[in-house]
């Protein structure tokens, strides 16, 4: 895991505290399109180092991803963050 990966995990814990859309914040902070950001975050969710670094966040996003996949088995997989938009925070 590199510094950008750690920054992405940190951002996921606090992005909602900032004004503006998440996609705009992602572009400004990381220089990534929303799609690329979500792809990278999704890969991080399967990284044991990410789980070690931010267990509560990773486990929450994995639960969201798994719930969505179970509800919509024929729908193409979306990233955990895209899925999280449809789920209440717990």
PDB file of N, CA and C in Angstrom:
ATOM      1  N   UNK A   1       0.844  -1.173   0.000  1.00  0.00           N
ATOM      2  CA  UNK A   1       0.000   0.000   0.000  1.00  0.00           C
ATOM      3  C   UNK A   1       0.892   1.241   0.000  1.00  0.00           C
ATOM      4  N   UNK A   2       0.596   2.180  -0.865  1.00  0.00           N
ATOM      5  CA  UNK A   2       1.407   3.392  -0.930  1.00  0.00           C
ATOM      6  C   UNK A   2       0.683   4.561  -0.247  1.00  0.00           C
ATOM      7  N   UNK A   3       1.292   5.736  -0.292  1.00  0.00           N
ATOM      8  CA  UNK A   3       0.733   6.914   0.372  1.00  0.00           C
ATOM      9  C   UNK A   3      -0.626   7.303  -0.210  1.00  0.00           C
ATOM     10  N   UNK A   4      -0.793   7.165  -1.508  1.00  0.00           N
ATOM     11  CA  UNK A   4      -2.079   7.497  -2.125  1.00  0.00           C
ATOM     12  C   UNK A   4      -3.164   6.552  -1.644  1.00  0.00           C
ATOM     13  N   UNK A   5      -2.850   5.277  -1.542  1.00  0.00           N
ATOM     14  CA  UNK A   5      -3.825   4.313  -1.041  1.00  0.00           C
ATOM     15  C   UNK A   5      -4.251   4.674   0.385  1.00  0.00           C
ATOM     16  N   UNK A   6      -3.283   5.026   1.222  1.00  0.00           N
ATOM     17  CA  UNK A   6      -3.606   5.426   2.602  1.00  0.00           C
ATOM     18  C   UNK A   6      -4.447   6.700   2.610  1.00  0.00           C
ATOM     19  N   UNK A   7      -4.129   7.623   1.715  1.00  0.00           N
ATOM     20  CA  UNK A   7      -4.904   8.868   1.631  1.00  0.00           C
ATOM     21  C   UNK A   7      -6.337   8.587   1.176  1.00  0.00           C
ATOM     22  N   UNK A   8      -6.515   7.632   0.290  1.00  0.00           N
ATOM     23  CA  UNK A   8      -7.858   7.260  -0.162  1.00  0.00           C
ATOM     24  C   UNK A   8      -8.661   6.700   1.005  1.00  0.00           C
ATOM     25  N   UNK A   9      -8.056   5.844   1.805  1.00  0.00           N
ATOM     26  CA  UNK A   9      -8.759   5.306   2.971  1.00  0.00           C
ATOM     27  C   UNK A   9      -9.120   6.429   3.952  1.00  0.00           C
ATOM     28  N   UNK A  10      -8.201   7.332   4.181  1.00  0.00           N
ATOM     29  CA  UNK A  10      -8.484   8.464   5.063  1.00  0.00           C
ATOM     30  C   UNK A  10      -9.616   9.315   4.509  1.00  0.00           C
ATOM     31  N   UNK A  11      -9.572   9.563   3.209  1.00  0.00           N
ATOM     32  CA  UNK A  11     -10.602  10.365   2.555  1.00  0.00           C
ATOM     33  C   UNK A  11     -11.979   9.717   2.703  1.00  0.00           C
ATOM     34  N   UNK A  12     -12.049   8.414   2.556  1.00  0.00           N
ATOM     35  CA  UNK A  12     -13.323   7.706   2.687  1.00  0.00           C
ATOM     36  C   UNK A  12     -13.938   7.879   4.069  1.00  0.00           C
ATOM     37  N   UNK A  13     -13.113   8.063   5.062  1.00  0.00           N
ATOM     38  CA  UNK A  13     -13.613   8.265   6.420  1.00  0.00           C
ATOM     39  C   UNK A  13     -14.126   9.668   6.670  1.00  0.00           C
ATOM     40  N   UNK A  14     -13.749  10.625   5.821  1.00  0.00           N
ATOM     41  CA  UNK A  14     -14.108  12.001   6.133  1.00  0.00           C
ATOM     42  C   UNK A  14     -14.633  12.853   4.984  1.00  0.00           C
ATOM     43  N   UNK A  15     -14.812  12.301   3.794  1.00  0.00           N
ATOM     44  CA  UNK A  15     -15.206  13.118   2.646  1.00  0.00           C
ATOM     45  C   UNK A  15     -16.532  13.832   2.859  1.00  0.00           C
ATOM     46  N   UNK A  16     -17.454  13.226   3.566  1.00  0.00           N
ATOM     47  CA  UNK A  16     -18.794  13.788   3.747  1.00  0.00           C
ATOM     48  C   UNK A  16     -18.785  15.047   4.603  1.00  0.00           C
ATOM     49  N   UNK A  17     -17.687  15.333   5.266  1.00  0.00           N
ATOM     50  CA  UNK A  17     -17.583  16.547   6.085  1.00  0.00           C
ATOM     51  C   UNK A  17     -17.291  17.789   5.256  1.00  0.00           C
ATOM     52  N   UNK A  18     -16.927  17.601   4.013  1.00  0.00           N
ATOM     53  CA  UNK A  18     -16.537  18.714   3.147  1.00  0.00           C
ATOM     54  C   UNK A  18     -17.692  19.136   2.249  1.00  0.00           C
ATOM     55  N   UNK A  19     -17.679  20.410   1.884  1.00  0.00           N
ATOM     56  CA  UNK A  19     -18.709  20.865   0.955  1.00  0.00           C
ATOM     57  C   UNK A  19     -18.330  20.462  -0.465  1.00  0.00           C
ATOM     58  N   UNK A  20     -19.323  20.338  -1.309  1.00  0.00           N
ATOM     59  CA  UNK A  20     -19.097  19.940  -2.693  1.00  0.00           C
ATOM     60  C   UNK A  20     -19.386  18.476  -2.899  1.00  0.00           C
ATOM     61  N   UNK A  21     -19.418  18.091  -4.148  1.00  0.00           N
ATOM     62  CA  UNK A  21     -19.702  16.694  -4.462  1.00  0.00           C
ATOM     63  C   UNK A  21     -18.464  15.841  -4.244  1.00  0.00           C
ATOM     64  N   UNK A  22     -18.694  14.607  -3.951  1.00  0.00           N
ATOM     65  CA  UNK A  22     -17.584  13.690  -3.723  1.00  0.00           C
ATOM     66  C   UNK A  22     -16.720  13.582  -4.969  1.00  0.00           C
ATOM     67  N   UNK A  23     -17.361  13.517  -6.131  1.00  0.00           N
ATOM     68  CA  UNK A  23     -16.608  13.378  -7.376  1.00  0.00           C
ATOM     69  C   UNK A  23     -15.677  14.563  -7.595  1.00  0.00           C
ATOM     70  N   UNK A  24     -16.141  15.773  -7.264  1.00  0.00           N
ATOM     71  CA  UNK A  24     -15.295  16.955  -7.417  1.00  0.00           C
ATOM     72  C   UNK A  24     -14.130  16.902  -6.436  1.00  0.00           C
ATOM     73  N   UNK A  25     -14.425  16.507  -5.205  1.00  0.00           N
ATOM     74  CA  UNK A  25     -13.357  16.385  -4.206  1.00  0.00           C
ATOM     75  C   UNK A  25     -12.315  15.354  -4.614  1.00  0.00           C
ATOM     76  N   UNK A  26     -12.770  14.242  -5.172  1.00  0.00           N
ATOM     77  CA  UNK A  26     -11.848  13.195  -5.647  1.00  0.00           C
ATOM     78  C   UNK A  26     -10.945  13.754  -6.738  1.00  0.00           C
ATOM     79  N   UNK A  27     -11.537  14.466  -7.681  1.00  0.00           N
ATOM     80  CA  UNK A  27     -10.757  15.045  -8.773  1.00  0.00           C
ATOM     81  C   UNK A  27      -9.728  16.038  -8.241  1.00  0.00           C
ATOM     82  N   UNK A  28     -10.151  16.887  -7.324  1.00  0.00           N
ATOM     83  CA  UNK A  28      -9.243  17.901  -6.781  1.00  0.00           C
ATOM     84  C   UNK A  28      -8.127  17.277  -5.946  1.00  0.00           C
ATOM     85  N   UNK A  29      -8.468  16.325  -5.107  1.00  0.00           N
ATOM     86  CA  UNK A  29      -7.497  15.767  -4.171  1.00  0.00           C
ATOM     87  C   UNK A  29      -6.571  14.744  -4.818  1.00  0.00           C
ATOM     88  N   UNK A  30      -7.115  13.903  -5.690  1.00  0.00           N
ATOM     89  CA  UNK A  30      -6.326  12.793  -6.228  1.00  0.00           C
ATOM     90  C   UNK A  30      -6.052  12.887  -7.723  1.00  0.00           C
ATOM     91  N   UNK A  31      -6.726  13.791  -8.414  1.00  0.00           N
ATOM     92  CA  UNK A  31      -6.540  13.903  -9.850  1.00  0.00           C
ATOM     93  C   UNK A  31      -7.085  12.700 -10.608  1.00  0.00           C
ATOM     94  N   UNK A  32      -8.072  12.032 -10.020  1.00  0.00           N
ATOM     95  CA  UNK A  32      -8.665  10.838 -10.629  1.00  0.00           C
ATOM     96  C   UNK A  32     -10.115  11.097 -10.985  1.00  0.00           C
ATOM     97  N   UNK A  33     -10.564  10.464 -12.047  1.00  0.00           N
ATOM     98  CA  UNK A  33     -11.992  10.482 -12.334  1.00  0.00           C
ATOM     99  C   UNK A  33     -12.687   9.656 -11.265  1.00  0.00           C
ATOM    100  N   UNK A  34     -13.975   9.846 -11.106  1.00  0.00           N
ATOM    101  CA  UNK A  34     -14.728   9.075 -10.119  1.00  0.00           C
ATOM    102  C   UNK A  34     -14.600   7.577 -10.402  1.00  0.00           C
ATOM    103  N   UNK A  35     -14.679   7.198 -11.664  1.00  0.00           N
ATOM    104  CA  UNK A  35     -14.588   5.782 -12.023  1.00  0.00           C
ATOM    105  C   UNK A  35     -13.244   5.191 -11.595  1.00  0.00           C
ATOM    106  N   UNK A  36     -12.160   5.876 -11.906  1.00  0.00           N
ATOM    107  CA  UNK A  36     -10.823   5.378 -11.536  1.00  0.00           C
ATOM    108  C   UNK A  36     -10.664   5.316 -10.019  1.00  0.00           C
ATOM    109  N   UNK A  37     -11.183   6.322  -9.335  1.00  0.00           N
ATOM    110  CA  UNK A  37     -11.110   6.341  -7.874  1.00  0.00           C
ATOM    111  C   UNK A  37     -11.836   5.126  -7.294  1.00  0.00           C
ATOM    112  N   UNK A  38     -13.070   4.878  -7.756  1.00  0.00           N
ATOM    113  CA  UNK A  38     -13.850   3.764  -7.230  1.00  0.00           C
ATOM    114  C   UNK A  38     -13.190   2.419  -7.558  1.00  0.00           C
ATOM    115  N   UNK A  39     -12.577   2.315  -8.732  1.00  0.00           N
ATOM    116  CA  UNK A  39     -11.863   1.084  -9.079  1.00  0.00           C
ATOM    117  C   UNK A  39     -10.697   0.856  -8.118  1.00  0.00           C
ATOM    118  N   UNK A  40      -9.986   1.920  -7.844  1.00  0.00           N
ATOM    119  CA  UNK A  40      -8.837   1.805  -6.945  1.00  0.00           C
ATOM    120  C   UNK A  40      -9.291   1.472  -5.526  1.00  0.00           C
ATOM    121  N   UNK A  41     -10.346   2.130  -5.069  1.00  0.00           N
ATOM    122  CA  UNK A  41     -10.876   1.844  -3.740  1.00  0.00           C
ATOM    123  C   UNK A  41     -11.355   0.401  -3.648  1.00  0.00           C
ATOM    124  N   UNK A  42     -12.029  -0.065  -4.670  1.00  0.00           N
ATOM    125  CA  UNK A  42     -12.522  -1.443  -4.662  1.00  0.00           C
ATOM    126  C   UNK A  42     -11.369  -2.438  -4.558  1.00  0.00           C
ATOM    127  N   UNK A  43     -10.282  -2.181  -5.265  1.00  0.00           N
ATOM    128  CA  UNK A  43      -9.104  -3.050  -5.151  1.00  0.00           C
ATOM    129  C   UNK A  43      -8.530  -2.998  -3.733  1.00  0.00           C
ATOM    130  N   UNK A  44      -8.552  -1.808  -3.133  1.00  0.00           N
ATOM    131  CA  UNK A  44      -8.039  -1.670  -1.769  1.00  0.00           C
ATOM    132  C   UNK A  44      -8.846  -2.508  -0.779  1.00  0.00           C
ATOM    133  N   UNK A  45     -10.124  -2.640  -1.011  1.00  0.00           N
ATOM    134  CA  UNK A  45     -10.967  -3.399  -0.087  1.00  0.00           C
ATOM    135  C   UNK A  45     -10.549  -4.862  -0.001  1.00  0.00           C
ATOM    136  N   UNK A  46      -9.884  -5.351  -1.026  1.00  0.00           N
ATOM    137  CA  UNK A  46      -9.423  -6.736  -1.043  1.00  0.00           C
ATOM    138  C   UNK A  46      -7.954  -6.877  -0.619  1.00  0.00           C
ATOM    139  N   UNK A  47      -7.352  -5.780  -0.208  1.00  0.00           N
ATOM    140  CA  UNK A  47      -5.944  -5.760   0.199  1.00  0.00           C
ATOM    141  C   UNK A  47      -5.856  -5.950   1.721  1.00  0.00           C
ATOM    142  N   UNK A  48      -5.164  -6.996   2.180  1.00  0.00           N
ATOM    143  CA  UNK A  48      -5.037  -7.222   3.627  1.00  0.00           C
ATOM    144  C   UNK A  48      -4.421  -6.038   4.377  1.00  0.00           C
ATOM    145  N   UNK A  49      -3.525  -5.309   3.722  1.00  0.00           N
ATOM    146  CA  UNK A  49      -2.926  -4.129   4.363  1.00  0.00           C
ATOM    147  C   UNK A  49      -3.968  -3.052   4.625  1.00  0.00           C
ATOM    148  N   UNK A  50      -4.905  -2.885   3.709  1.00  0.00           N
ATOM    149  CA  UNK A  50      -5.965  -1.899   3.898  1.00  0.00           C
ATOM    150  C   UNK A  50      -6.843  -2.304   5.074  1.00  0.00           C
ATOM    151  N   UNK A  51      -7.139  -3.574   5.169  1.00  0.00           N
ATOM    152  CA  UNK A  51      -7.937  -4.072   6.283  1.00  0.00           C
ATOM    153  C   UNK A  51      -7.214  -3.816   7.604  1.00  0.00           C
ATOM    154  N   UNK A  52      -5.912  -3.995   7.604  1.00  0.00           N
ATOM    155  CA  UNK A  52      -5.115  -3.739   8.811  1.00  0.00           C
ATOM    156  C   UNK A  52      -5.101  -2.248   9.146  1.00  0.00           C
ATOM    157  N   UNK A  53      -4.990  -1.406   8.120  1.00  0.00           N
ATOM    158  CA  UNK A  53      -4.906   0.051   8.309  1.00  0.00           C
ATOM    159  C   UNK A  53      -6.233   0.651   8.765  1.00  0.00           C
ATOM    160  N   UNK A  54      -7.336   0.203   8.182  1.00  0.00           N
ATOM    161  CA  UNK A  54      -8.642   0.795   8.471  1.00  0.00           C
ATOM    162  C   UNK A  54      -9.712  -0.292   8.539  1.00  0.00           C
ATOM    163  N   UNK A  55      -9.675  -1.130   9.564  1.00  0.00           N
ATOM    164  CA  UNK A  55     -10.583  -2.278   9.607  1.00  0.00           C
ATOM    165  C   UNK A  55     -12.065  -1.906   9.615  1.00  0.00           C
ATOM    166  N   UNK A  56     -12.449  -0.898  10.363  1.00  0.00           N
ATOM    167  CA  UNK A  56     -13.867  -0.530  10.427  1.00  0.00           C
ATOM    168  C   UNK A  56     -14.366  -0.052   9.062  1.00  0.00           C
ATOM    169  N   UNK A  57     -13.599   0.795   8.421  1.00  0.00           N
ATOM    170  CA  UNK A  57     -13.982   1.311   7.109  1.00  0.00           C
ATOM    171  C   UNK A  57     -14.053   0.196   6.079  1.00  0.00           C
ATOM    172  N   UNK A  58     -13.006  -0.592   5.988  1.00  0.00           N
ATOM    173  CA  UNK A  58     -12.958  -1.665   4.984  1.00  0.00           C
ATOM    174  C   UNK A  58     -14.098  -2.653   5.210  1.00  0.00           C
ATOM    175  N   UNK A  59     -14.318  -3.046   6.441  1.00  0.00           N
ATOM    176  CA  UNK A  59     -15.402  -3.990   6.708  1.00  0.00           C
ATOM    177  C   UNK A  59     -16.773  -3.393   6.390  1.00  0.00           C
ATOM    178  N   UNK A  60     -16.974  -2.108   6.697  1.00  0.00           N
ATOM    179  CA  UNK A  60     -18.249  -1.465   6.366  1.00  0.00           C
ATOM    180  C   UNK A  60     -18.472  -1.448   4.852  1.00  0.00           C
ATOM    181  N   UNK A  61     -17.452  -1.058   4.110  1.00  0.00           N
ATOM    182  CA  UNK A  61     -17.599  -0.993   2.653  1.00  0.00           C
ATOM    183  C   UNK A  61     -17.769  -2.385   2.046  1.00  0.00           C
ATOM    184  N   UNK A  62     -17.119  -3.374   2.603  1.00  0.00           N
ATOM    185  CA  UNK A  62     -17.308  -4.746   2.124  1.00  0.00           C
ATOM    186  C   UNK A  62     -18.735  -5.226   2.383  1.00  0.00           C
ATOM    187  N   UNK A  63     -19.287  -4.892   3.555  1.00  0.00           N
ATOM    188  CA  UNK A  63     -20.678  -5.271   3.855  1.00  0.00           C
ATOM    189  C   UNK A  63     -21.642  -4.629   2.861  1.00  0.00           C
ATOM    190  N   UNK A  64     -21.411  -3.365   2.568  1.00  0.00           N
ATOM    191  CA  UNK A  64     -22.264  -2.658   1.605  1.00  0.00           C
ATOM    192  C   UNK A  64     -22.171  -3.325   0.246  1.00  0.00           C
ATOM    193  N   UNK A  65     -20.957  -3.613  -0.190  1.00  0.00           N
ATOM    194  CA  UNK A  65     -20.744  -4.249  -1.489  1.00  0.00           C
ATOM    195  C   UNK A  65     -21.425  -5.615  -1.537  1.00  0.00           C
ATOM    196  N   UNK A  66     -21.276  -6.390  -0.468  1.00  0.00           N
ATOM    197  CA  UNK A  66     -21.871  -7.723  -0.425  1.00  0.00           C
ATOM    198  C   UNK A  66     -23.400  -7.673  -0.406  1.00  0.00           C
ATOM    199  N   UNK A  67     -23.972  -6.734   0.349  1.00  0.00           N
ATOM    200  CA  UNK A  67     -25.442  -6.604   0.381  1.00  0.00           C
ATOM    201  C   UNK A  67     -25.994  -6.269  -0.998  1.00  0.00           C
ATOM    202  N   UNK A  68     -25.336  -5.342  -1.675  1.00  0.00           N
ATOM    203  CA  UNK A  68     -25.780  -4.959  -3.017  1.00  0.00           C
ATOM    204  C   UNK A  68     -25.682  -6.136  -3.979  1.00  0.00           C
ATOM    205  N   UNK A  69     -24.583  -6.851  -3.921  1.00  0.00           N
ATOM    206  CA  UNK A  69     -24.386  -7.995  -4.817  1.00  0.00           C
ATOM    207  C   UNK A  69     -25.445  -9.066  -4.560  1.00  0.00           C
ATOM    208  N   UNK A  70     -25.799  -9.265  -3.305  1.00  0.00           N
ATOM    209  CA  UNK A  70     -26.811 -10.274  -2.971  1.00  0.00           C
ATOM    210  C   UNK A  70     -28.197  -9.855  -3.462  1.00  0.00           C
ATOM    211  N   UNK A  71     -28.479  -8.570  -3.406  1.00  0.00           N
ATOM    212  CA  UNK A  71     -29.791  -8.079  -3.855  1.00  0.00           C
ATOM    213  C   UNK A  71     -29.922  -8.063  -5.370  1.00  0.00           C
ATOM    214  N   UNK A  72     -28.821  -7.851  -6.056  1.00  0.00           N
ATOM    215  CA  UNK A  72     -28.850  -7.686  -7.508  1.00  0.00           C
ATOM    216  C   UNK A  72     -27.843  -8.619  -8.173  1.00  0.00           C
ATOM    217  N   UNK A  73     -28.052  -9.925  -8.104  1.00  0.00           N
ATOM    218  CA  UNK A  73     -27.037 -10.856  -8.622  1.00  0.00           C
ATOM    219  C   UNK A  73     -26.805 -10.757 -10.128  1.00  0.00           C
ATOM    220  N   UNK A  74     -27.766 -10.261 -10.886  1.00  0.00           N
ATOM    221  CA  UNK A  74     -27.591 -10.176 -12.342  1.00  0.00           C
ATOM    222  C   UNK A  74     -27.068  -8.822 -12.797  1.00  0.00           C
ATOM    223  N   UNK A  75     -26.926  -7.903 -11.867  1.00  0.00           N
ATOM    224  CA  UNK A  75     -26.437  -6.566 -12.198  1.00  0.00           C
ATOM    225  C   UNK A  75     -24.919  -6.555 -12.162  1.00  0.00           C
ATOM    226  N   UNK A  76     -24.276  -5.841 -13.090  1.00  0.00           N
ATOM    227  CA  UNK A  76     -22.816  -5.762 -13.047  1.00  0.00           C
ATOM    228  C   UNK A  76     -22.366  -5.173 -11.713  1.00  0.00           C
ATOM    229  N   UNK A  77     -21.251  -5.637 -11.216  1.00  0.00           N
ATOM    230  CA  UNK A  77     -20.742  -5.164  -9.930  1.00  0.00           C
ATOM    231  C   UNK A  77     -20.388  -3.693 -10.009  1.00  0.00           C
ATOM    232  N   UNK A  78     -20.748  -2.984  -8.963  1.00  0.00           N
ATOM    233  CA  UNK A  78     -20.348  -1.590  -8.827  1.00  0.00           C
ATOM    234  C   UNK A  78     -19.374  -1.507  -7.667  1.00  0.00           C
ATOM    235  N   UNK A  79     -18.692  -0.412  -7.590  1.00  0.00           N
ATOM    236  CA  UNK A  79     -17.736  -0.279  -6.500  1.00  0.00           C
ATOM    237  C   UNK A  79     -18.457  -0.117  -5.179  1.00  0.00           C
ATOM    238  N   UNK A  80     -17.736  -0.350  -4.120  1.00  0.00           N
ATOM    239  CA  UNK A  80     -18.309  -0.216  -2.777  1.00  0.00           C
ATOM    240  C   UNK A  80     -18.788   1.199  -2.530  1.00  0.00           C
ATOM    241  N   UNK A  81     -18.066   2.163  -3.024  1.00  0.00           N
ATOM    242  CA  UNK A  81     -18.455   3.543  -2.787  1.00  0.00           C
ATOM    243  C   UNK A  81     -19.718   3.879  -3.550  1.00  0.00           C
ATOM    244  N   UNK A  82     -19.823   3.438  -4.771  1.00  0.00           N
ATOM    245  CA  UNK A  82     -21.059   3.662  -5.509  1.00  0.00           C
ATOM    246  C   UNK A  82     -22.212   2.977  -4.796  1.00  0.00           C
ATOM    247  N   UNK A  83     -21.976   1.789  -4.284  1.00  0.00           N
ATOM    248  CA  UNK A  83     -23.001   1.075  -3.540  1.00  0.00           C
ATOM    249  C   UNK A  83     -23.368   1.813  -2.267  1.00  0.00           C
ATOM    250  N   UNK A  84     -22.395   2.385  -1.612  1.00  0.00           N
ATOM    251  CA  UNK A  84     -22.629   3.031  -0.333  1.00  0.00           C
ATOM    252  C   UNK A  84     -23.574   4.207  -0.466  1.00  0.00           C
ATOM    253  N   UNK A  85     -23.622   4.850  -1.592  1.00  0.00           N
ATOM    254  CA  UNK A  85     -24.532   5.972  -1.792  1.00  0.00           C
ATOM    255  C   UNK A  85     -25.971   5.570  -1.532  1.00  0.00           C
ATOM    256  N   UNK A  86     -26.297   4.312  -1.773  1.00  0.00           N
ATOM    257  CA  UNK A  86     -27.651   3.826  -1.622  1.00  0.00           C
ATOM    258  C   UNK A  86     -27.934   3.252  -0.251  1.00  0.00           C
ATOM    259  N   UNK A  87     -26.939   3.204   0.609  1.00  0.00           N
ATOM    260  CA  UNK A  87     -27.077   2.564   1.913  1.00  0.00           C
ATOM    261  C   UNK A  87     -26.958   3.588   3.025  1.00  0.00           C
ATOM    262  N   UNK A  88     -27.724   3.403   4.106  1.00  0.00           N
ATOM    263  CA  UNK A  88     -27.530   4.284   5.270  1.00  0.00           C
ATOM    264  C   UNK A  88     -26.207   3.968   5.948  1.00  0.00           C
ATOM    265  N   UNK A  89     -25.605   4.957   6.541  1.00  0.00           N
ATOM    266  CA  UNK A  89     -24.357   4.759   7.290  1.00  0.00           C
ATOM    267  C   UNK A  89     -24.686   4.045   8.581  1.00  0.00           C
ATOM    268  N   UNK A  90     -23.858   3.078   8.966  1.00  0.00           N
ATOM    269  CA  UNK A  90     -24.086   2.383  10.232  1.00  0.00           C
ATOM    270  C   UNK A  90     -22.934   2.570  11.169  1.00  0.00           C
TER     271      UNK A  90
END
